[in-house]
Amino acid sequence: MVFNVSRSKTLPNPVPVTVLLDCLKSVVRGNFPSSLNVIGEVSSLSATTSGYCYFTLKEKNETTKKEAQLSAVAWSNVTRHLPFQLKNGMQVVCSGEVDVYAPQGKCQLVVRAIEPVGVGAYELAKKQIEMKLRGEGLFSPERKRSIPKAISRVGVVTSRTGAAFRDFLNILGRRNRRIDVVVAHARVQGEGSAQDVVNALQMLNELKDQLGLDVAVLIRGGGSVEDLWTFNEEMVVRAVANSALPVITGIGHEIDTSICDLAADLRALTPSDAAVQLTREDDESLGKQLNVFKTRMENRIEQKLNSAFERLRYYEQSRVFTRPYEVLYEKRMKRLDDLEAQLTYQIEQKISSVEKTCEILKERLAGRNPKAILSRGYSFTQRVDDMKILRSPDDVVAGQIIETTLARGKIRSVVIE
């Protein structure tokens, strides 16, 4: 049914409300594009349990002092993809379609996209999340832990197929081949990646004692703000802050700073820099120290040999050789043979001892000298009956005798409870 509305104040026939609103909807849809941008201030924001929200776009013309407002609705498929939190008083640009909502007889904007005015959506979202978590003290320096100096095994949360992980392994392998790497694969970009990273980090924490992990590292190569957004997600930042393992982040390029970087115990500039931070003493410096020890041992051996030859020359020039009596000569020759055999044996034993000492020094250097760890205040405790190392209070019962090894001795104790 088509009604021709004239300038007359009366209509020729009574018009049903539904018919009139259908006509208005046709007029609105026919005279406005299917997508237009509207700028205004958010007010009367109301969110539903289903995920969609209603709000009003307001505007006050400073010249005419007139106010105007337009109802708007954003369905859940729009709101769940907003990186920032929509709030009253926020200036936004809404893209969508003008429509007439017949049940309430009002014109409204069906929103398909929302952008804050004057700042990017991701930038605004990052500021909102950072402000919230900073207020909770998640970035406080007092919460951060020092990274262990002697690292033997590290857990890495990353995409194992990414170039960033290959660069990390390359640098780590060149600098220190004694550090083992346990990979917890996770998507680091796109929908669902935040939960992947959280799950991977939680898994490393749950298995840290079983795997012998010293530290966890989060790695992601460079990219746009959207590409790196996973590491600005609140759930990921909280997982980093609550990690039982010390956390190093190597995310993006040097100029990129994620919220995870603020919560981590140590922020590396890049994935490659994360490998450098793990290997403060590389193989080259350790090799130089080993060469110094080797030179010292060789010098000592040479001194011992020179001393032995001097003694041998002394015996050769002694009177027993220059003017021997027949019997004395035979006895002295036997004695000299004995001395020579003993001297040869001692020299061989000394060389063998020095070689063993070198091997021990190598092993100590490779193992980073566990006694040095005890001297820094660490200790380990064993059950006296079977000398099993305790890793949990559940490993002992009341009445058992335990022995704690310190840097300078041992302490025996009885478990009370």
Foldseek 3Di string as FASTA:
>chain_A
DDADDDPDPDGPDDDDLVRVQVVVQCVQPVPDDQKDKDKAFWAPWDADPQQKIKTKGKDADPVVRDIDIAIEIEHNVARVPQLADDDGGFIKIFMGGWGADSVVGGIHGYGRYIATPPDGRLVRSLVVLLVVVVVVVLLPLVLADDQDPDFQEEEEEEACPDPLVVLLCVLLCQFAVRHHYHYQYFDQADPPRLVSSLVSLVVCQVCCVVVVGQAYEYAEEADDCRRRCSLQDNSNLVSQSPRPHQYEYAYYAQVDDHSNCSNHNYYARHSNSVSCVNRVHGPVNLVVVLVVLVVVLVVVLVVLVVVVVVVVVVVCPDVCNVPNDDVSVVVVVVVVVVVVVVSVVVSVVSVVVSVVVSVVVVVCSSNVHVLVVLVVPDKWKAFPVVRHTDDDPVVDDAQTWMWIDGSPGIDIDGHHD
